[in-house]
Structure formats: C-alpha cells, structure tokens
C-alpha atoms as a PDB file:
ATOM      1  CA  MET A   1      23.859 149.232-246.396  1.00  0.00           C
ATOM      2  CA  ALA A   2      22.511 149.799-242.998  1.00  0.00           C
ATOM      3  CA  ASN A   3      21.687 146.319-242.441  1.00  0.00           C
ATOM      4  CA  THR A   4      24.867 144.927-243.678  1.00  0.00           C
ATOM      5  CA  ALA A   5      26.663 147.294-241.165  1.00  0.00           C
ATOM      6  CA  ARG A   6      24.514 145.795-238.202  1.00  0.00           C
ATOM      7  CA  GLU A   7      25.266 142.432-239.294  1.00  0.00           C
ATOM      8  CA  LYS A   8      29.041 142.976-239.264  1.00  0.00           C
ATOM      9  CA  GLU A   9      28.775 144.240-235.602  1.00  0.00           C
ATOM     10  CA  VAL A  10      26.956 141.009-234.710  1.00  0.00           C
ATOM     11  CA  VAL A  11      29.130 138.598-236.707  1.00  0.00           C
ATOM     12  CA  LYS A  12      32.609 139.402-236.112  1.00  0.00           C
ATOM     13  CA  ARG A  13      36.017 137.424-235.681  1.00  0.00           C
ATOM     14  CA  VAL A  14      37.146 136.929-232.089  1.00  0.00           C
ATOM     15  CA  ASN A  15      40.498 135.441-231.011  1.00  0.00           C
ATOM     16  CA  VAL A  16      41.065 132.504-228.900  1.00  0.00           C
ATOM     17  CA  ASP A  17      41.765 134.491-225.764  1.00  0.00           C
ATOM     18  CA  THR A  18      38.562 136.280-225.918  1.00  0.00           C
ATOM     19  CA  VAL A  19      36.693 132.716-226.343  1.00  0.00           C
ATOM     20  CA  LYS A  20      38.710 131.446-223.261  1.00  0.00           C
ATOM     21  CA  SER A  21      38.003 134.399-221.048  1.00  0.00           C
ATOM     22  CA  ASN A  22      34.192 134.234-221.809  1.00  0.00           C
ATOM     23  CA  LEU A  23      33.559 130.642-222.132  1.00  0.00           C
ATOM     24  CA  MET A  24      36.127 128.636-220.345  1.00  0.00           C
ATOM     25  CA  ARG A  25      35.318 129.839-216.910  1.00  0.00           C
ATOM     26  CA  PRO A  26      31.751 128.260-216.202  1.00  0.00           C
ATOM     27  CA  SER A  27      30.107 128.493-212.915  1.00  0.00           C
ATOM     28  CA  LEU A  28      30.214 125.180-210.697  1.00  0.00           C
ATOM     29  CA  THR A  29      27.501 123.710-208.694  1.00  0.00           C
ATOM     30  CA  ALA A  30      29.407 122.592-205.774  1.00  0.00           C
ATOM     31  CA  TYR A  31      30.352 126.107-204.516  1.00  0.00           C
ATOM     32  CA  PHE A  32      27.555 127.246-202.324  1.00  0.00           C
ATOM     33  CA  ALA A  33      26.469 127.804-198.677  1.00  0.00           C
ATOM     34  CA  VAL A  34      23.103 128.171-196.847  1.00  0.00           C
ATOM     35  CA  GLN A  35      22.029 130.070-193.711  1.00  0.00           C
ATOM     36  CA  ILE A  36      19.122 128.575-191.926  1.00  0.00           C
ATOM     37  CA  PRO A  37      17.222 131.129-189.565  1.00  0.00           C
ATOM     38  CA  LEU A  38      15.217 130.938-186.597  1.00  0.00           C
ATOM     39  CA  PRO A  39      11.622 131.950-186.599  1.00  0.00           C
ATOM     40  CA  THR A  40      11.270 135.853-185.950  1.00  0.00           C
ATOM     41  CA  ASN A  41       8.324 138.310-185.439  1.00  0.00           C
ATOM     42  CA  ASN A  42       9.239 141.822-186.347  1.00  0.00           C
ATOM     43  CA  GLY A  43      12.723 140.935-185.763  1.00  0.00           C
ATOM     44  CA  ALA A  44      12.182 139.422-182.335  1.00  0.00           C
ATOM     45  CA  GLU A  45      12.919 135.618-181.567  1.00  0.00           C
ATOM     46  CA  THR A  46       9.439 133.770-181.026  1.00  0.00           C
ATOM     47  CA  GLU A  47       8.517 131.119-178.485  1.00  0.00           C
ATOM     48  CA  VAL A  48       9.233 128.651-181.151  1.00  0.00           C
ATOM     49  CA  ALA A  49      12.695 130.059-181.628  1.00  0.00           C
ATOM     50  CA  LYS A  50      13.217 129.313-177.911  1.00  0.00           C
ATOM     51  CA  LYS A  51      12.470 125.822-178.235  1.00  0.00           C
ATOM     52  CA  LEU A  52      14.729 125.530-181.138  1.00  0.00           C
ATOM     53  CA  ARG A  53      17.456 127.053-179.027  1.00  0.00           C
ATOM     54  CA  GLU A  54      17.252 124.502-176.695  1.00  0.00           C
ATOM     55  CA  VAL A  55      18.487 122.016-179.683  1.00  0.00           C
ATOM     56  CA  LEU A  56      20.803 124.753-181.284  1.00  0.00           C
ATOM     57  CA  ASP A  57      23.395 126.884-179.814  1.00  0.00           C
ATOM     58  CA  THR A  58      25.577 129.242-181.781  1.00  0.00           C
ATOM     59  CA  SER A  59      28.115 126.908-182.792  1.00  0.00           C
ATOM     60  CA  LYS A  60      25.621 124.238-183.627  1.00  0.00           C
ATOM     61  CA  GLN A  61      23.902 126.601-185.950  1.00  0.00           C
ATOM     62  CA  GLU A  62      27.040 126.973-187.982  1.00  0.00           C
ATOM     63  CA  LYS A  63      27.373 123.309-187.917  1.00  0.00           C
ATOM     64  CA  LEU A  64      23.754 122.931-189.380  1.00  0.00           C
ATOM     65  CA  ASN A  65      24.724 125.407-192.235  1.00  0.00           C
ATOM     66  CA  LEU A  66      27.853 123.308-193.019  1.00  0.00           C
ATOM     67  CA  LEU A  67      26.011 120.028-193.065  1.00  0.00           C
ATOM     68  CA  CYS A  68      23.714 121.069-196.081  1.00  0.00           C
ATOM     69  CA  THR A  69      24.933 119.003-198.975  1.00  0.00           C
ATOM     70  CA  ASP A  70      22.311 119.918-201.592  1.00  0.00           C
ATOM     71  CA  SER A  71      19.864 122.382-202.494  1.00  0.00           C
ATOM     72  CA  SER A  72      18.420 124.358-205.561  1.00  0.00           C
ATOM     73  CA  LEU A  73      18.504 127.912-206.685  1.00  0.00           C
ATOM     74  CA  PRO A  74      14.855 128.813-206.791  1.00  0.00           C
ATOM     75  CA  GLY A  75      12.762 129.726-209.986  1.00  0.00           C
ATOM     76  CA  SER A  76       9.842 131.951-210.801  1.00  0.00           C
ATOM     77  CA  GLN A  77       7.443 132.753-213.653  1.00  0.00           C
ATOM     78  CA  LEU A  78       5.270 135.515-214.663  1.00  0.00           C
ATOM     79  CA  THR A  79       1.668 135.136-214.883  1.00  0.00           C
ATOM     80  CA  THR A  80       0.321 136.751-217.920  1.00  0.00           C
ATOM     81  CA  MET A  81      -3.119 137.982-219.479  1.00  0.00           C
ATOM     82  CA  GLU A  82      -3.818 137.813-223.345  1.00  0.00           C
ATOM     83  CA  ILE A  83      -4.809 141.069-224.822  1.00  0.00           C
ATOM     84  CA  THR A  84      -6.399 140.791-228.407  1.00  0.00           C
ATOM     85  CA  ASN A  85      -8.179 144.029-229.057  1.00  0.00           C
ATOM     86  CA  ASP A  86      -5.414 146.584-229.181  1.00  0.00           C
ATOM     87  CA  ARG A  87      -3.809 145.794-232.456  1.00  0.00           C
ATOM     88  CA  THR A  88      -5.474 144.004-235.440  1.00  0.00           C
ATOM     89  CA  GLY A  89      -4.273 140.393-235.740  1.00  0.00           C
ATOM     90  CA  VAL A  90      -2.002 140.631-232.975  1.00  0.00           C
ATOM     91  CA  THR A  91      -2.076 138.652-229.576  1.00  0.00           C
ATOM     92  CA  GLU A  92      -0.156 140.203-226.722  1.00  0.00           C
ATOM     93  CA  LYS A  93       0.518 138.922-223.191  1.00  0.00           C
ATOM     94  CA  HIS A  94       0.692 141.416-220.192  1.00  0.00           C
ATOM     95  CA  ALA A  95       2.240 140.472-217.117  1.00  0.00           C
ATOM     96  CA  TYR A  96       0.228 141.079-214.033  1.00  0.00           C
ATOM     97  CA  ARG A  97       1.886 138.907-211.310  1.00  0.00           C
ATOM     98  CA  ARG A  98       5.107 137.034-210.535  1.00  0.00           C
ATOM     99  CA  MET A  99       4.535 133.330-209.396  1.00  0.00           C
ATOM    100  CA  PHE A 100       7.167 131.855-206.932  1.00  0.00           C
ATOM    101  CA  ASP A 101       8.083 128.075-206.514  1.00  0.00           C
ATOM    102  CA  ASP A 102       5.921 126.929-203.536  1.00  0.00           C
ATOM    103  CA  ARG A 103       8.966 125.532-201.693  1.00  0.00           C
ATOM    104  CA  VAL A 104      12.827 125.111-201.639  1.00  0.00           C
ATOM    105  CA  ASP A 105      14.456 121.702-200.761  1.00  0.00           C
ATOM    106  CA  PHE A 106      17.468 121.367-198.568  1.00  0.00           C
ATOM    107  CA  THR A 107      19.472 118.036-197.991  1.00  0.00           C
ATOM    108  CA  PHE A 108      21.622 117.721-195.037  1.00  0.00           C
ATOM    109  CA  TYR A 109      24.348 115.113-193.857  1.00  0.00           C
ATOM    110  CA  VAL A 110      22.973 113.721-190.358  1.00  0.00           C
ATOM    111  CA  ASP A 111      25.890 113.881-187.904  1.00  0.00           C
ATOM    112  CA  ALA A 112      26.315 110.770-185.753  1.00  0.00           C
ATOM    113  CA  ASP A 113      26.801 112.890-182.385  1.00  0.00           C
ATOM    114  CA  ASN A 114      23.400 114.723-182.198  1.00  0.00           C
ATOM    115  CA  TYR A 115      21.320 113.933-185.233  1.00  0.00           C
ATOM    116  CA  LEU A 116      21.116 117.643-185.383  1.00  0.00           C
ATOM    117  CA  PRO A 117      19.208 118.376-188.827  1.00  0.00           C
ATOM    118  CA  ILE A 118      16.517 115.768-187.654  1.00  0.00           C
ATOM    119  CA  ARG A 119      16.065 117.121-184.280  1.00  0.00           C
ATOM    120  CA  PHE A 120      16.151 120.700-185.389  1.00  0.00           C
ATOM    121  CA  PHE A 121      13.404 120.508-188.160  1.00  0.00           C
ATOM    122  CA  GLU A 122      11.482 118.013-186.068  1.00  0.00           C
ATOM    123  CA  THR A 123      11.449 120.312-183.061  1.00  0.00           C
ATOM    124  CA  TRP A 124      10.416 123.205-185.494  1.00  0.00           C
ATOM    125  CA  MET A 125       7.591 121.121-186.830  1.00  0.00           C
ATOM    126  CA  LYS A 126       6.531 119.963-183.449  1.00  0.00           C
ATOM    127  CA  ALA A 127       6.428 123.635-182.139  1.00  0.00           C
ATOM    128  CA  ILE A 128       4.311 124.775-185.047  1.00  0.00           C
ATOM    129  CA  MET A 129       1.708 122.124-183.987  1.00  0.00           C
ATOM    130  CA  ASN A 130       1.980 122.830-180.356  1.00  0.00           C
ATOM    131  CA  GLU A 131       3.116 119.307-179.639  1.00  0.00           C
ATOM    132  CA  GLY A 132       3.840 118.401-176.007  1.00  0.00           C
ATOM    133  CA  SER A 133       4.203 115.421-173.844  1.00  0.00           C
ATOM    134  CA  GLU A 134       0.227 114.957-174.148  1.00  0.00           C
ATOM    135  CA  ALA A 135       0.899 114.077-177.769  1.00  0.00           C
ATOM    136  CA  THR A 136       1.378 110.404-176.786  1.00  0.00           C
ATOM    137  CA  ASN A 137      -2.367 110.299-175.917  1.00  0.00           C
ATOM    138  CA  LYS A 138      -4.455 108.558-178.403  1.00  0.00           C
ATOM    139  CA  SER A 139      -7.190 111.067-178.250  1.00  0.00           C
ATOM    140  CA  TYR A 140      -4.775 114.094-178.786  1.00  0.00           C
ATOM    141  CA  HIS A 141      -5.742 116.626-181.423  1.00  0.00           C
ATOM    142  CA  TYR A 142      -3.326 119.224-182.798  1.00  0.00           C
ATOM    143  CA  ARG A 143      -3.598 122.811-182.169  1.00  0.00           C
ATOM    144  CA  PRO A 144      -1.339 124.768-184.658  1.00  0.00           C
ATOM    145  CA  THR A 145       0.229 128.070-183.203  1.00  0.00           C
ATOM    146  CA  TYR A 146      -0.249 131.495-185.103  1.00  0.00           C
ATOM    147  CA  PRO A 147       2.044 131.838-188.316  1.00  0.00           C
ATOM    148  CA  ASP A 148       3.833 134.828-186.881  1.00  0.00           C
ATOM    149  CA  GLU A 149       5.163 132.732-184.139  1.00  0.00           C
ATOM    150  CA  TYR A 150       6.616 129.884-186.211  1.00  0.00           C
ATOM    151  CA  THR A 151       7.872 131.731-189.587  1.00  0.00           C
ATOM    152  CA  ALA A 152      11.175 133.308-190.228  1.00  0.00           C
ATOM    153  CA  ASP A 153      10.466 136.888-191.543  1.00  0.00           C
ATOM    154  CA  GLN A 154      13.790 136.694-193.501  1.00  0.00           C
ATOM    155  CA  GLY A 155      17.205 135.105-192.967  1.00  0.00           C
ATOM    156  CA  LEU A 156      16.726 131.912-194.989  1.00  0.00           C
ATOM    157  CA  LYS A 157      19.516 132.303-197.884  1.00  0.00           C
ATOM    158  CA  ILE A 158      21.337 130.247-200.436  1.00  0.00           C
ATOM    159  CA  LEU A 159      24.710 131.930-201.246  1.00  0.00           C
ATOM    160  CA  LYS A 160      26.440 130.909-204.526  1.00  0.00           C
ATOM    161  CA  PHE A 161      29.980 131.494-205.221  1.00  0.00           C
ATOM    162  CA  GLU A 162      33.039 130.244-206.977  1.00  0.00           C
ATOM    163  CA  ARG A 163      36.271 128.470-206.002  1.00  0.00           C
ATOM    164  CA  ASP A 164      38.206 131.810-205.946  1.00  0.00           C
ATOM    165  CA  TYR A 165      35.741 133.070-203.206  1.00  0.00           C
ATOM    166  CA  LYS A 166      35.711 136.609-204.920  1.00  0.00           C
ATOM    167  CA  GLN A 167      32.031 137.268-205.314  1.00  0.00           C
ATOM    168  CA  VAL A 168      28.758 135.811-204.178  1.00  0.00           C
ATOM    169  CA  LEU A 169      25.257 135.649-205.554  1.00  0.00           C
ATOM    170  CA  THR A 170      22.614 135.762-202.754  1.00  0.00           C
ATOM    171  CA  TYR A 171      19.036 134.288-202.707  1.00  0.00           C
ATOM    172  CA  GLU A 172      17.047 135.367-199.582  1.00  0.00           C
ATOM    173  CA  PHE A 173      13.656 133.860-198.906  1.00  0.00           C
ATOM    174  CA  PHE A 174      10.855 135.529-196.764  1.00  0.00           C
ATOM    175  CA  ARG A 175       8.575 134.158-194.401  1.00  0.00           C
ATOM    176  CA  SER A 176       9.827 130.592-194.352  1.00  0.00           C
ATOM    177  CA  PHE A 177       9.308 127.566-192.410  1.00  0.00           C
ATOM    178  CA  PRO A 178       9.495 123.820-192.747  1.00  0.00           C
ATOM    179  CA  LEU A 179       6.953 122.359-194.778  1.00  0.00           C
ATOM    180  CA  SER A 180       7.761 118.630-194.660  1.00  0.00           C
ATOM    181  CA  ILE A 181      10.550 116.149-193.811  1.00  0.00           C
ATOM    182  CA  SER A 182      11.327 113.389-196.396  1.00  0.00           C
ATOM    183  CA  SER A 183      11.413 109.693-195.284  1.00  0.00           C
ATOM    184  CA  MET A 184      14.828 108.527-194.750  1.00  0.00           C
ATOM    185  CA  PRO A 185      15.395 104.816-195.439  1.00  0.00           C
ATOM    186  CA  VAL A 186      17.711 102.758-193.325  1.00  0.00           C
ATOM    187  CA  SER A 187      18.837  99.271-194.384  1.00  0.00           C
ATOM    188  CA  TYR A 188      20.993  96.370-193.513  1.00  0.00           C
ATOM    189  CA  SER A 189      21.881  95.962-197.080  1.00  0.00           C
ATOM    190  CA  GLY A 190      24.671  98.483-196.972  1.00  0.00           C
ATOM    191  CA  ASN A 191      26.251 101.378-194.970  1.00  0.00           C
ATOM    192  CA  ASP A 192      25.411 104.569-196.882  1.00  0.00           C
ATOM    193  CA  LEU A 193      25.207 108.055-195.519  1.00  0.00           C
ATOM    194  CA  LEU A 194      21.985 109.137-193.982  1.00  0.00           C
ATOM    195  CA  LYS A 195      20.766 112.157-195.103  1.00  0.00           C
ATOM    196  CA  CYS A 196      17.794 114.548-194.049  1.00  0.00           C
ATOM    197  CA  THR A 197      15.796 116.476-196.749  1.00  0.00           C
ATOM    198  CA  VAL A 198      13.722 119.193-195.714  1.00  0.00           C
ATOM    199  CA  SER A 199      11.290 121.285-197.840  1.00  0.00           C
ATOM    200  CA  MET A 200      11.041 124.910-196.604  1.00  0.00           C
ATOM    201  CA  SER A 201       7.938 126.964-197.502  1.00  0.00           C
ATOM    202  CA  TYR A 202       8.330 130.661-198.372  1.00  0.00           C
ATOM    203  CA  ILE A 203       6.197 133.471-199.982  1.00  0.00           C
ATOM    204  CA  ARG A 204       8.846 135.128-202.116  1.00  0.00           C
ATOM    205  CA  TYR A 205      12.605 135.439-202.663  1.00  0.00           C
ATOM    206  CA  ILE A 206      14.995 138.279-203.546  1.00  0.00           C
ATOM    207  CA  GLN A 207      18.130 137.762-205.673  1.00  0.00           C
ATOM    208  CA  SER A 208      20.968 140.322-205.018  1.00  0.00           C
ATOM    209  CA  GLY A 209      24.530 140.369-206.339  1.00  0.00           C
ATOM    210  CA  PRO A 210      26.932 139.249-207.363  1.00  0.00           C
ATOM    211  CA  THR A 211      28.760 141.380-204.623  1.00  0.00           C
ATOM    212  CA  ASN A 212      32.414 141.122-203.405  1.00  0.00           C
ATOM    213  CA  VAL A 213      33.082 138.806-200.784  1.00  0.00           C
ATOM    214  CA  GLY A 214      33.699 140.977-197.355  1.00  0.00           C
ATOM    215  CA  GLY A 215      33.196 138.914-194.327  1.00  0.00           C
ATOM    216  CA  PHE A 216      35.716 139.579-191.634  1.00  0.00           C
ATOM    217  CA  PHE A 217      38.373 141.275-193.836  1.00  0.00           C
ATOM    218  CA  GLY A 218      35.990 143.272-195.912  1.00  0.00           C
ATOM    219  CA  ASP A 219      33.840 144.604-192.786  1.00  0.00           C
ATOM    220  CA  ASN A 220      37.147 145.631-191.017  1.00  0.00           C
ATOM    221  CA  LYS A 221      39.357 146.723-193.784  1.00  0.00           C
ATOM    222  CA  GLU A 222      38.267 150.519-193.723  1.00  0.00           C
ATOM    223  CA  SER A 223      38.551 150.790-190.136  1.00  0.00           C
ATOM    224  CA  LEU A 224      42.195 149.477-190.029  1.00  0.00           C
ATOM    225  CA  LEU A 225      43.209 151.561-192.867  1.00  0.00           C
ATOM    226  CA  SER A 226      42.073 154.697-190.984  1.00  0.00           C
ATOM    227  CA  ASN A 227      43.583 153.652-187.718  1.00  0.00           C
ATOM    228  CA  PRO A 228      45.790 156.543-186.247  1.00  0.00           C
ATOM    229  CA  ASN A 229      48.417 154.002-184.974  1.00  0.00           C
ATOM    230  CA  LYS A 230      49.387 153.265-188.761  1.00  0.00           C
ATOM    231  CA  ASN A 231      49.320 149.663-188.445  1.00  0.00           C
ATOM    232  CA  PRO A 232      51.671 147.888-190.721  1.00  0.00           C
ATOM    233  CA  PHE A 233      49.085 145.535-192.300  1.00  0.00           C
ATOM    234  CA  SER A 234      49.258 145.545-196.036  1.00  0.00           C
ATOM    235  CA  PHE A 235      45.896 145.550-197.777  1.00  0.00           C
ATOM    236  CA  ASP A 236      45.590 144.144-201.368  1.00  0.00           C
ATOM    237  CA  PRO A 237      42.037 144.243-202.736  1.00  0.00           C
ATOM    238  CA  ILE A 238      43.090 141.251-204.955  1.00  0.00           C
ATOM    239  CA  ARG A 239      43.726 139.126-202.223  1.00  0.00           C
ATOM    240  CA  GLN A 240      40.503 137.670-200.847  1.00  0.00           C
ATOM    241  CA  GLY A 241      39.127 134.360-199.733  1.00  0.00           C
ATOM    242  CA  THR A 242      41.556 131.505-199.430  1.00  0.00           C
ATOM    243  CA  GLN A 243      44.360 133.647-200.318  1.00  0.00           C
ATOM    244  CA  ILE A 244      43.794 135.996-197.211  1.00  0.00           C
ATOM    245  CA  LEU A 245      43.325 132.833-194.944  1.00  0.00           C
ATOM    246  CA  ASN A 246      46.536 131.096-196.219  1.00  0.00           C
ATOM    247  CA  ASN A 247      48.851 134.063-196.797  1.00  0.00           C
ATOM    248  CA  GLY A 248      47.740 137.042-194.789  1.00  0.00           C
ATOM    249  CA  ILE A 249      46.535 135.467-191.426  1.00  0.00           C
ATOM    250  CA  ASN A 250      49.950 136.289-189.666  1.00  0.00           C
ATOM    251  CA  ASP A 251      49.785 139.900-190.806  1.00  0.00           C
ATOM    252  CA  LEU A 252      46.067 140.233-189.556  1.00  0.00           C
ATOM    253  CA  PHE A 253      47.056 138.916-186.174  1.00  0.00           C
ATOM    254  CA  ASN A 254      50.106 141.375-186.068  1.00  0.00           C
ATOM    255  CA  SER A 255      47.893 144.338-186.938  1.00  0.00           C
ATOM    256  CA  PHE A 256      45.494 143.789-184.354  1.00  0.00           C
ATOM    257  CA  SER A 257      48.272 143.566-181.648  1.00  0.00           C
ATOM    258  CA  ASN A 258      49.780 146.767-182.752  1.00  0.00           C
ATOM    259  CA  ILE A 259      46.392 148.493-182.615  1.00  0.00           C
ATOM    260  CA  GLY A 260      45.854 147.247-179.112  1.00  0.00           C
END
C-alpha cells in the first residue's frame, strides 16, 4: 500500500495550463551578454592593462562587449576515485576534485572603424610576451611577463537572460587571459562578415543566480523611494527591462528633476 501511494504521488494527471507553464517557456540561446575585463593584480590595473587602455577607452569597452556574437556556457566535471573495500560486492565512486574546462571561446564581430576585437586581444597577447619594436629583429626572443601582470583576477563574465530581461544567470571566470586568437579567413569569393574568435584561459568559474535584473533602476529604486522630497515617480516591481525603458523613462527623468 505504501508503494502504491508513492506511485500515485509521482504519476498524476495534470491540466494543459500546468503543462504550458512548465514546458512552453524554454530558455533561448540568443539572449546573453559578456563582460571583458582588464588585467588586475589585487584589484589594481597592471602595466598590461595600461597598454590596453591605449586601445580601449570606456566607451569602446562597452562596444567590445556588444560585439560578442557567440560564446558558450562553461562545463566542468568531478574527478572520482573508486572504493571497492567498504561494502562487499559494491564499487563506489568518491569525488575528490572538480575539473574545469581549460578555456572558453568568444567570437566577436570585427568593426570596420577600428578593428577593435583584433587590436584589443593582439595588444593583450603582445604585452604578455613583452613584444616591442625590437620584435622585428630576426634574432628577437620572447621574454614573457609575470602572470600576475597579465591575468584578470576576476571580471570576465557571461550573463544569460531571457527576452523579458527579468532575471539573469551569471558565470564569472577567475585568473583569465587570452590563450589564442583563431585564424580569420579573408577571400575574394564572397563578402562575409569578419569575425574574431578568442580562447580565454581561466582556472575556475563560479555560477550564480538567477537574480533579478537591477541595473540603474534596481540600484537606485530604494534611494528614490526614501527621498524626503516625495518624488512622484511610481515604482512597479513588475515593470523591468524593456518596459522600464519604453514606458517609464519620462517619469524617471521627471523624478530626478524634482529631486534636484
């Protein structure tokens, strides 16, 4: 009787609305964003980062993030050891280490104005190997810099969200740097979009979320609500993402003018 009761709990009739709510809203691959960091050492930008700043200012860093057209959510696995002596006739596996993929790939559209992705990652890799003007000498030899100078302690992120922009799943990578730049074919046979694929090395990642999308609105909502001037901006926790941008932007500007 007990087993029959459990089976009834597992096998039960569901209505169409329940099926739709659970199955008819799958996650779509086209909604994601990336954040490309600069090398840091204990939170401070390094000499390598300063060289990258010559290629990349604040506005162009956002442009570089937006140019990313393709990436992949990382994978990992547990390394195990077999235990055969604890129980007669039983072989168990005990986990003792988590193994991460050795790289994550990012593909960028190449802009025709500055060839930004190519120049950025080429500059990063040149700085890793201390390449200078003397690199044109046929007898030149490479002298790589110390890893703390060219790795980004953290900040490399892949953000996965959906078309309603209500919540985001975050993957953050630690101790990252560009490992390789793939070849980019060019040809007279056709006019295709030029893309730059970069493999980034990292030691591990942390997955967090999903969390509610905050951004500018989420970060400033509480401070606006508690303002003693009683600004008239009406906050609705359901209205986020594109709805805020499309329907509430005028109210937002009006609230800030009243605060001032």
